[in-house]
Amino acid sequence: NSPCFSQEFSPTSMAYAETQSMFCDSLLGDADW
């Protein structure tokens, strides 16, 4: 209920934020993809 929860800076963990993006790009190396 606030923009403070949805931004890329602290207290947003970089590891948490990058998990979302890196999961998506990990699919490209999969044989079925």
PDB file of all heavy atoms in Angstrom:
ATOM      1  N   ASN A   1       0.816  -1.216   0.000  1.00  0.00           N
ATOM      2  CA  ASN A   1       0.000   0.000   0.000  1.00  0.00           C
ATOM      3  C   ASN A   1       0.848   1.264   0.000  1.00  0.00           C
ATOM      4  O   ASN A   1       0.391   2.324   0.386  1.00  0.00           O
ATOM      5  CB  ASN A   1      -0.949   0.009   1.202  1.00  0.00           C
ATOM      6  CG  ASN A   1      -0.216   0.027   2.532  1.00  0.00           C
ATOM      7  OD1 ASN A   1       0.989  -0.259   2.596  1.00  0.00           O
ATOM      8  ND2 ASN A   1      -0.920   0.344   3.607  1.00  0.00           N
ATOM      9  N   SER A   2       2.097   1.131  -0.480  1.00  0.00           N
ATOM     10  CA  SER A   2       2.996   2.279  -0.527  1.00  0.00           C
ATOM     11  C   SER A   2       4.079   2.021  -1.560  1.00  0.00           C
ATOM     12  O   SER A   2       4.501   0.867  -1.765  1.00  0.00           O
ATOM     13  CB  SER A   2       3.643   2.497   0.840  1.00  0.00           C
ATOM     14  OG  SER A   2       4.734   3.404   0.743  1.00  0.00           O
ATOM     15  N   PRO A   3       4.568   3.080  -2.219  1.00  0.00           N
ATOM     16  CA  PRO A   3       5.665   2.894  -3.176  1.00  0.00           C
ATOM     17  C   PRO A   3       6.968   2.452  -2.512  1.00  0.00           C
ATOM     18  O   PRO A   3       7.886   2.009  -3.207  1.00  0.00           O
ATOM     19  CB  PRO A   3       5.816   4.272  -3.826  1.00  0.00           C
ATOM     20  CG  PRO A   3       5.189   5.230  -2.877  1.00  0.00           C
ATOM     21  CD  PRO A   3       4.085   4.477  -2.202  1.00  0.00           C
ATOM     22  N   CYS A   4       7.076   2.540  -1.199  1.00  0.00           N
ATOM     23  CA  CYS A   4       8.328   2.142  -0.544  1.00  0.00           C
ATOM     24  C   CYS A   4       8.606   0.658  -0.704  1.00  0.00           C
ATOM     25  O   CYS A   4       9.758   0.225  -0.600  1.00  0.00           O
ATOM     26  CB  CYS A   4       8.315   2.519   0.941  1.00  0.00           C
ATOM     27  SG  CYS A   4       7.166   1.582   1.960  1.00  0.00           S
ATOM     28  N   PHE A   5       7.588  -0.149  -0.981  1.00  0.00           N
ATOM     29  CA  PHE A   5       7.779  -1.599  -1.097  1.00  0.00           C
ATOM     30  C   PHE A   5       8.242  -2.016  -2.492  1.00  0.00           C
ATOM     31  O   PHE A   5       8.715  -3.125  -2.675  1.00  0.00           O
ATOM     32  CB  PHE A   5       6.477  -2.336  -0.766  1.00  0.00           C
ATOM     33  CG  PHE A   5       6.019  -2.157   0.649  1.00  0.00           C
ATOM     34  CD1 PHE A   5       4.853  -1.457   0.930  1.00  0.00           C
ATOM     35  CD2 PHE A   5       6.749  -2.689   1.705  1.00  0.00           C
ATOM     36  CE1 PHE A   5       4.417  -1.293   2.237  1.00  0.00           C
ATOM     37  CE2 PHE A   5       6.317  -2.525   3.010  1.00  0.00           C
ATOM     38  CZ  PHE A   5       5.152  -1.828   3.288  1.00  0.00           C
ATOM     39  N   SER A   6       8.084  -1.144  -3.486  1.00  0.00           N
ATOM     40  CA  SER A   6       8.326  -1.510  -4.880  1.00  0.00           C
ATOM     41  C   SER A   6       9.362  -0.598  -5.515  1.00  0.00           C
ATOM     42  O   SER A   6       9.073   0.140  -6.450  1.00  0.00           O
ATOM     43  CB  SER A   6       7.021  -1.438  -5.682  1.00  0.00           C
ATOM     44  OG  SER A   6       7.243  -1.780  -7.028  1.00  0.00           O
ATOM     45  N   GLN A   7      10.570  -0.624  -5.000  1.00  0.00           N
ATOM     46  CA  GLN A   7      11.658   0.141  -5.611  1.00  0.00           C
ATOM     47  C   GLN A   7      12.957  -0.639  -5.404  1.00  0.00           C
ATOM     48  O   GLN A   7      13.040  -1.510  -4.545  1.00  0.00           O
ATOM     49  CB  GLN A   7      11.730   1.555  -5.042  1.00  0.00           C
ATOM     50  CG  GLN A   7      11.569   1.681  -3.544  1.00  0.00           C
ATOM     51  CD  GLN A   7      12.833   1.365  -2.776  1.00  0.00           C
ATOM     52  OE1 GLN A   7      13.927   1.636  -3.218  1.00  0.00           O
ATOM     53  NE2 GLN A   7      12.681   0.755  -1.604  1.00  0.00           N
ATOM     54  N   GLU A   8      13.942  -0.329  -6.243  1.00  0.00           N
ATOM     55  CA  GLU A   8      15.136  -1.183  -6.316  1.00  0.00           C
ATOM     56  C   GLU A   8      16.207  -0.837  -5.299  1.00  0.00           C
ATOM     57  O   GLU A   8      17.253  -1.494  -5.250  1.00  0.00           O
ATOM     58  CB  GLU A   8      15.735  -1.136  -7.727  1.00  0.00           C
ATOM     59  CG  GLU A   8      16.195   0.225  -8.175  1.00  0.00           C
ATOM     60  CD  GLU A   8      15.148   1.005  -8.940  1.00  0.00           C
ATOM     61  OE1 GLU A   8      13.945   0.882  -8.619  1.00  0.00           O
ATOM     62  OE2 GLU A   8      15.527   1.755  -9.860  1.00  0.00           O
ATOM     63  N   PHE A   9      15.988   0.181  -4.475  1.00  0.00           N
ATOM     64  CA  PHE A   9      17.011   0.609  -3.529  1.00  0.00           C
ATOM     65  C   PHE A   9      16.700   0.071  -2.130  1.00  0.00           C
ATOM     66  O   PHE A   9      15.620  -0.466  -1.875  1.00  0.00           O
ATOM     67  CB  PHE A   9      17.104   2.137  -3.529  1.00  0.00           C
ATOM     68  CG  PHE A   9      17.217   2.729  -4.909  1.00  0.00           C
ATOM     69  CD1 PHE A   9      16.236   3.556  -5.425  1.00  0.00           C
ATOM     70  CD2 PHE A   9      18.302   2.414  -5.722  1.00  0.00           C
ATOM     71  CE1 PHE A   9      16.335   4.084  -6.711  1.00  0.00           C
ATOM     72  CE2 PHE A   9      18.410   2.929  -7.012  1.00  0.00           C
ATOM     73  CZ  PHE A   9      17.427   3.765  -7.505  1.00  0.00           C
ATOM     74  N   SER A  10      17.644   0.222  -1.220  1.00  0.00           N
ATOM     75  CA  SER A  10      17.472  -0.290   0.136  1.00  0.00           C
ATOM     76  C   SER A  10      16.174   0.266   0.736  1.00  0.00           C
ATOM     77  O   SER A  10      15.823   1.428   0.501  1.00  0.00           O
ATOM     78  CB  SER A  10      18.658   0.137   1.002  1.00  0.00           C
ATOM     79  OG  SER A  10      19.835  -0.466   0.533  1.00  0.00           O
ATOM     80  N   PRO A  11      15.441  -0.600   1.481  1.00  0.00           N
ATOM     81  CA  PRO A  11      15.838  -1.908   2.013  1.00  0.00           C
ATOM     82  C   PRO A  11      15.603  -3.089   1.081  1.00  0.00           C
ATOM     83  O   PRO A  11      15.641  -4.232   1.542  1.00  0.00           O
ATOM     84  CB  PRO A  11      14.963  -2.034   3.258  1.00  0.00           C
ATOM     85  CG  PRO A  11      13.717  -1.310   2.894  1.00  0.00           C
ATOM     86  CD  PRO A  11      14.144  -0.161   2.036  1.00  0.00           C
ATOM     87  N   THR A  12      15.349  -2.841  -0.206  1.00  0.00           N
ATOM     88  CA  THR A  12      15.247  -3.958  -1.147  1.00  0.00           C
ATOM     89  C   THR A  12      16.617  -4.610  -1.302  1.00  0.00           C
ATOM     90  O   THR A  12      17.581  -3.951  -1.689  1.00  0.00           O
ATOM     91  CB  THR A  12      14.746  -3.471  -2.512  1.00  0.00           C
ATOM     92  OG1 THR A  12      13.469  -2.844  -2.352  1.00  0.00           O
ATOM     93  CG2 THR A  12      14.611  -4.631  -3.487  1.00  0.00           C
ATOM     94  N   SER A  13      16.708  -5.875  -1.000  1.00  0.00           N
ATOM     95  CA  SER A  13      17.965  -6.611  -1.143  1.00  0.00           C
ATOM     96  C   SER A  13      18.288  -6.783  -2.623  1.00  0.00           C
ATOM     97  O   SER A  13      17.428  -7.168  -3.420  1.00  0.00           O
ATOM     98  CB  SER A  13      17.824  -7.980  -0.473  1.00  0.00           C
ATOM     99  OG  SER A  13      18.671  -8.935  -1.052  1.00  0.00           O
ATOM    100  N   MET A  14      19.540  -6.497  -3.000  1.00  0.00           N
ATOM    101  CA  MET A  14      19.936  -6.710  -4.389  1.00  0.00           C
ATOM    102  C   MET A  14      19.826  -8.191  -4.747  1.00  0.00           C
ATOM    103  O   MET A  14      19.409  -8.548  -5.849  1.00  0.00           O
ATOM    104  CB  MET A  14      21.365  -6.228  -4.628  1.00  0.00           C
ATOM    105  CG  MET A  14      21.811  -6.410  -6.077  1.00  0.00           C
ATOM    106  SD  MET A  14      23.436  -5.712  -6.396  1.00  0.00           S
ATOM    107  CE  MET A  14      23.724  -6.269  -8.086  1.00  0.00           C
ATOM    108  N   ALA A  15      20.198  -9.081  -3.814  1.00  0.00           N
ATOM    109  CA  ALA A  15      20.100 -10.520  -4.080  1.00  0.00           C
ATOM    110  C   ALA A  15      18.653 -10.907  -4.357  1.00  0.00           C
ATOM    111  O   ALA A  15      18.370 -11.710  -5.255  1.00  0.00           O
ATOM    112  CB  ALA A  15      20.658 -11.304  -2.906  1.00  0.00           C
ATOM    113  N   TYR A  16      17.722 -10.346  -3.583  1.00  0.00           N
ATOM    114  CA  TYR A  16      16.298 -10.615  -3.803  1.00  0.00           C
ATOM    115  C   TYR A  16      15.856 -10.097  -5.170  1.00  0.00           C
ATOM    116  O   TYR A  16      15.208 -10.811  -5.945  1.00  0.00           O
ATOM    117  CB  TYR A  16      15.479  -9.954  -2.692  1.00  0.00           C
ATOM    118  CG  TYR A  16      14.030  -9.699  -3.026  1.00  0.00           C
ATOM    119  CD1 TYR A  16      13.141 -10.755  -3.166  1.00  0.00           C
ATOM    120  CD2 TYR A  16      13.563  -8.396  -3.218  1.00  0.00           C
ATOM    121  CE1 TYR A  16      11.802 -10.514  -3.484  1.00  0.00           C
ATOM    122  CE2 TYR A  16      12.240  -8.148  -3.532  1.00  0.00           C
ATOM    123  CZ  TYR A  16      11.353  -9.210  -3.666  1.00  0.00           C
ATOM    124  OH  TYR A  16      10.043  -8.973  -3.983  1.00  0.00           O
ATOM    125  N   ALA A  17      16.217  -8.859  -5.499  1.00  0.00           N
ATOM    126  CA  ALA A  17      15.795  -8.273  -6.765  1.00  0.00           C
ATOM    127  C   ALA A  17      16.372  -9.039  -7.951  1.00  0.00           C
ATOM    128  O   ALA A  17      15.671  -9.307  -8.936  1.00  0.00           O
ATOM    129  CB  ALA A  17      16.213  -6.803  -6.832  1.00  0.00           C
ATOM    130  N   GLU A  18      17.642  -9.431  -7.861  1.00  0.00           N
ATOM    131  CA  GLU A  18      18.279 -10.128  -8.979  1.00  0.00           C
ATOM    132  C   GLU A  18      17.794 -11.563  -9.123  1.00  0.00           C
ATOM    133  O   GLU A  18      17.875 -12.143 -10.208  1.00  0.00           O
ATOM    134  CB  GLU A  18      19.796 -10.082  -8.832  1.00  0.00           C
ATOM    135  CG  GLU A  18      20.398  -8.686  -8.943  1.00  0.00           C
ATOM    136  CD  GLU A  18      20.101  -7.997 -10.265  1.00  0.00           C
ATOM    137  OE1 GLU A  18      19.925  -8.686 -11.285  1.00  0.00           O
ATOM    138  OE2 GLU A  18      20.018  -6.753 -10.270  1.00  0.00           O
ATOM    139  N   THR A  19      17.282 -12.159  -8.057  1.00  0.00           N
ATOM    140  CA  THR A  19      16.716 -13.504  -8.174  1.00  0.00           C
ATOM    141  C   THR A  19      15.593 -13.515  -9.205  1.00  0.00           C
ATOM    142  O   THR A  19      15.453 -14.457  -9.990  1.00  0.00           O
ATOM    143  CB  THR A  19      16.184 -13.979  -6.817  1.00  0.00           C
ATOM    144  OG1 THR A  19      17.277 -14.105  -5.900  1.00  0.00           O
ATOM    145  CG2 THR A  19      15.480 -15.332  -6.924  1.00  0.00           C
ATOM    146  N   GLN A  20      14.791 -12.441  -9.219  1.00  0.00           N
ATOM    147  CA  GLN A  20      13.647 -12.389 -10.126  1.00  0.00           C
ATOM    148  C   GLN A  20      14.095 -12.327 -11.591  1.00  0.00           C
ATOM    149  O   GLN A  20      13.569 -13.036 -12.447  1.00  0.00           O
ATOM    150  CB  GLN A  20      12.771 -11.179  -9.794  1.00  0.00           C
ATOM    151  CG  GLN A  20      12.593 -10.866  -8.324  1.00  0.00           C
ATOM    152  CD  GLN A  20      12.272 -12.065  -7.467  1.00  0.00           C
ATOM    153  OE1 GLN A  20      11.461 -12.913  -7.852  1.00  0.00           O
ATOM    154  NE2 GLN A  20      12.894 -12.157  -6.299  1.00  0.00           N
ATOM    155  N   SER A  21      15.069 -11.484 -11.866  1.00  0.00           N
ATOM    156  CA  SER A  21      15.529 -11.315 -13.247  1.00  0.00           C
ATOM    157  C   SER A  21      16.360 -12.507 -13.712  1.00  0.00           C
ATOM    158  O   SER A  21      16.225 -12.958 -14.854  1.00  0.00           O
ATOM    159  CB  SER A  21      16.350 -10.031 -13.356  1.00  0.00           C
ATOM    160  OG  SER A  21      17.407 -10.030 -12.416  1.00  0.00           O
ATOM    161  N   MET A  22      17.200 -13.010 -12.829  1.00  0.00           N
ATOM    162  CA  MET A  22      18.100 -14.097 -13.230  1.00  0.00           C
ATOM    163  C   MET A  22      17.353 -15.417 -13.384  1.00  0.00           C
ATOM    164  O   MET A  22      17.766 -16.280 -14.164  1.00  0.00           O
ATOM    165  CB  MET A  22      19.261 -14.195 -12.243  1.00  0.00           C
ATOM    166  CG  MET A  22      20.177 -12.967 -12.320  1.00  0.00           C
ATOM    167  SD  MET A  22      21.414 -12.857 -11.011  1.00  0.00           S
ATOM    168  CE  MET A  22      22.545 -14.132 -11.516  1.00  0.00           C
ATOM    169  N   PHE A  23      16.255 -15.577 -12.654  1.00  0.00           N
ATOM    170  CA  PHE A  23      15.430 -16.760 -12.905  1.00  0.00           C
ATOM    171  C   PHE A  23      14.911 -16.719 -14.337  1.00  0.00           C
ATOM    172  O   PHE A  23      14.939 -17.730 -15.054  1.00  0.00           O
ATOM    173  CB  PHE A  23      14.264 -16.842 -11.921  1.00  0.00           C
ATOM    174  CG  PHE A  23      13.326 -17.979 -12.231  1.00  0.00           C
ATOM    175  CD1 PHE A  23      13.605 -19.253 -11.774  1.00  0.00           C
ATOM    176  CD2 PHE A  23      12.202 -17.783 -13.018  1.00  0.00           C
ATOM    177  CE1 PHE A  23      12.766 -20.324 -12.103  1.00  0.00           C
ATOM    178  CE2 PHE A  23      11.355 -18.833 -13.344  1.00  0.00           C
ATOM    179  CZ  PHE A  23      11.634 -20.113 -12.870  1.00  0.00           C
ATOM    180  N   CYS A  24      14.438 -15.565 -14.772  1.00  0.00           N
ATOM    181  CA  CYS A  24      13.877 -15.450 -16.127  1.00  0.00           C
ATOM    182  C   CYS A  24      14.940 -15.706 -17.195  1.00  0.00           C
ATOM    183  O   CYS A  24      14.691 -16.421 -18.176  1.00  0.00           O
ATOM    184  CB  CYS A  24      13.237 -14.087 -16.309  1.00  0.00           C
ATOM    185  SG  CYS A  24      11.752 -13.834 -15.294  1.00  0.00           S
ATOM    186  N   ASP A  25      16.141 -15.129 -17.033  1.00  0.00           N
ATOM    187  CA  ASP A  25      17.141 -15.354 -18.089  1.00  0.00           C
ATOM    188  C   ASP A  25      17.733 -16.756 -18.014  1.00  0.00           C
ATOM    189  O   ASP A  25      18.300 -17.250 -18.992  1.00  0.00           O
ATOM    190  CB  ASP A  25      18.218 -14.268 -18.113  1.00  0.00           C
ATOM    191  CG  ASP A  25      19.185 -14.277 -16.948  1.00  0.00           C
ATOM    192  OD1 ASP A  25      19.775 -15.308 -16.655  1.00  0.00           O
ATOM    193  OD2 ASP A  25      19.391 -13.191 -16.349  1.00  0.00           O
ATOM    194  N   SER A  26      17.582 -17.442 -16.872  1.00  0.00           N
ATOM    195  CA  SER A  26      18.099 -18.820 -16.775  1.00  0.00           C
ATOM    196  C   SER A  26      17.362 -19.760 -17.715  1.00  0.00           C
ATOM    197  O   SER A  26      17.901 -20.790 -18.137  1.00  0.00           O
ATOM    198  CB  SER A  26      17.983 -19.342 -15.336  1.00  0.00           C
ATOM    199  OG  SER A  26      16.649 -19.743 -15.013  1.00  0.00           O
ATOM    200  N   LEU A  27      16.131 -19.425 -18.074  1.00  0.00           N
ATOM    201  CA  LEU A  27      15.332 -20.303 -18.931  1.00  0.00           C
ATOM    202  C   LEU A  27      15.936 -20.448 -20.322  1.00  0.00           C
ATOM    203  O   LEU A  27      15.736 -21.467 -20.997  1.00  0.00           O
ATOM    204  CB  LEU A  27      13.907 -19.756 -19.050  1.00  0.00           C
ATOM    205  CG  LEU A  27      13.124 -19.586 -17.749  1.00  0.00           C
ATOM    206  CD1 LEU A  27      11.789 -18.908 -18.030  1.00  0.00           C
ATOM    207  CD2 LEU A  27      12.917 -20.916 -17.049  1.00  0.00           C
ATOM    208  N   LEU A  28      16.678 -19.430 -20.766  1.00  0.00           N
ATOM    209  CA  LEU A  28      17.190 -19.424 -22.133  1.00  0.00           C
ATOM    210  C   LEU A  28      18.183 -20.549 -22.399  1.00  0.00           C
ATOM    211  O   LEU A  28      18.348 -20.976 -23.538  1.00  0.00           O
ATOM    212  CB  LEU A  28      17.849 -18.081 -22.439  1.00  0.00           C
ATOM    213  CG  LEU A  28      16.924 -16.860 -22.405  1.00  0.00           C
ATOM    214  CD1 LEU A  28      17.714 -15.586 -22.605  1.00  0.00           C
ATOM    215  CD2 LEU A  28      15.838 -16.987 -23.459  1.00  0.00           C
ATOM    216  N   GLY A  29      18.854 -21.018 -21.365  1.00  0.00           N
ATOM    217  CA  GLY A  29      19.823 -22.092 -21.563  1.00  0.00           C
ATOM    218  C   GLY A  29      19.222 -23.474 -21.487  1.00  0.00           C
ATOM    219  O   GLY A  29      19.927 -24.474 -21.693  1.00  0.00           O
ATOM    220  N   ASP A  30      17.926 -23.566 -21.203  1.00  0.00           N
ATOM    221  CA  ASP A  30      17.289 -24.874 -21.067  1.00  0.00           C
ATOM    222  C   ASP A  30      17.029 -25.489 -22.434  1.00  0.00           C
ATOM    223  O   ASP A  30      16.575 -24.811 -23.366  1.00  0.00           O
ATOM    224  CB  ASP A  30      15.972 -24.747 -20.296  1.00  0.00           C
ATOM    225  CG  ASP A  30      16.179 -24.379 -18.832  1.00  0.00           C
ATOM    226  OD1 ASP A  30      17.318 -24.533 -18.349  1.00  0.00           O
ATOM    227  OD2 ASP A  30      15.209 -23.955 -18.187  1.00  0.00           O
ATOM    228  N   ALA A  31      17.275 -26.783 -22.539  1.00  0.00           N
ATOM    229  CA  ALA A  31      17.158 -27.455 -23.834  1.00  0.00           C
ATOM    230  C   ALA A  31      15.751 -27.358 -24.408  1.00  0.00           C
ATOM    231  O   ALA A  31      15.573 -27.174 -25.620  1.00  0.00           O
ATOM    232  CB  ALA A  31      17.572 -28.921 -23.691  1.00  0.00           C
ATOM    233  N   ASP A  32      14.723 -27.467 -23.558  1.00  0.00           N
ATOM    234  CA  ASP A  32      13.361 -27.408 -24.099  1.00  0.00           C
ATOM    235  C   ASP A  32      13.000 -25.991 -24.538  1.00  0.00           C
ATOM    236  O   ASP A  32      12.241 -25.809 -25.497  1.00  0.00           O
ATOM    237  CB  ASP A  32      12.336 -27.978 -23.107  1.00  0.00           C
ATOM    238  CG  ASP A  32      12.372 -27.313 -21.746  1.00  0.00           C
ATOM    239  OD1 ASP A  32      13.348 -26.606 -21.434  1.00  0.00           O
ATOM    240  OD2 ASP A  32      11.416 -27.520 -20.961  1.00  0.00           O
ATOM    241  N   TRP A  33      13.552 -24.961 -23.856  1.00  0.00           N
ATOM    242  CA  TRP A  33      13.314 -23.589 -24.325  1.00  0.00           C
ATOM    243  C   TRP A  33      13.970 -23.401 -25.695  1.00  0.00           C
ATOM    244  O   TRP A  33      13.345 -22.874 -26.628  1.00  0.00           O
ATOM    245  CB  TRP A  33      13.862 -22.554 -23.340  1.00  0.00           C
ATOM    246  CG  TRP A  33      13.384 -21.160 -23.663  1.00  0.00           C
ATOM    247  CD1 TRP A  33      12.298 -20.528 -23.136  1.00  0.00           C
ATOM    248  CD2 TRP A  33      13.930 -20.270 -24.647  1.00  0.00           C
ATOM    249  NE1 TRP A  33      12.126 -19.290 -23.724  1.00  0.00           N
ATOM    250  CE2 TRP A  33      13.110 -19.103 -24.659  1.00  0.00           C
ATOM    251  CE3 TRP A  33      15.015 -20.328 -25.514  1.00  0.00           C
ATOM    252  CZ2 TRP A  33      13.359 -18.019 -25.497  1.00  0.00           C
ATOM    253  CZ3 TRP A  33      15.251 -19.249 -26.366  1.00  0.00           C
ATOM    254  CH2 TRP A  33      14.443 -18.111 -26.350  1.00  0.00           C
TER     255      TRP A  33
END
